[in-house]
Amino acid sequence: MNSRPPGPGGSASDPRPAIEAVELAKAYRLLNHGPVTLVSSAHGARRNVMAASWAMPLDYDPPKVLVVVDARTLTRELIEASGEFALNIPPRRMAEAVFAAGSLSGRDGDKFAALDLECFAAGRIAAPLVAGCVGWLECRVVPEPRNAQRYDLFIGEVVAAAADRRVFSQGRWHFDDDA
């Protein structure tokens, strides 16, 4: 069996779709096409928000999620200290703020203030929720020190969840072009 992908295809004489090899170091991007989330965290008087692409559902009952948070970030420090975090699902109109949240360090100052992001109190955790998002998952860390140390991976049990009913209702997303 040939391990190389077929040729480019996609021409009028070739019915296969256009296929291009993907660098193995970037192969994860084929799976990671869901929403970039904003991870918010807090401990004591400190708070932070960061962008995270590597967040996904893990289990249904009780509901759990996975998120990867680099060991060098302030968000990681706050999650480890508090044992909780929130996943905020931003709409397309927040793309610039999401990009900036992933490009700035919370150690240099309050990113909420720097990015003019409003927040509001969560119902079950101390971490703030980001206003303007379309979904929010409040999570408590399920202790798995080996996963956190080796893979920067946190398991969060979802203790509360909410969504903007204009784009999520009856258990489904329904976006229009302006979402």
Foldseek 3Di string as FASTA:
>chain_A
DDPDDDAQAPDPVGPDHGDDDDDPVCVVVVVQPDFWWWKWFDDDPDIAIATFSPKAWDDVVQTKIKTADDPPAPRLVRCVRFQWIKTFGADPVCVVLNVVRHVDGCVVDHSCVVSVWDWDQDDPGRTTYTPRTFKMFIWGWDDDVVCCVPPSMTMTRGPDMDGDVVQADPHDGDDDPVD
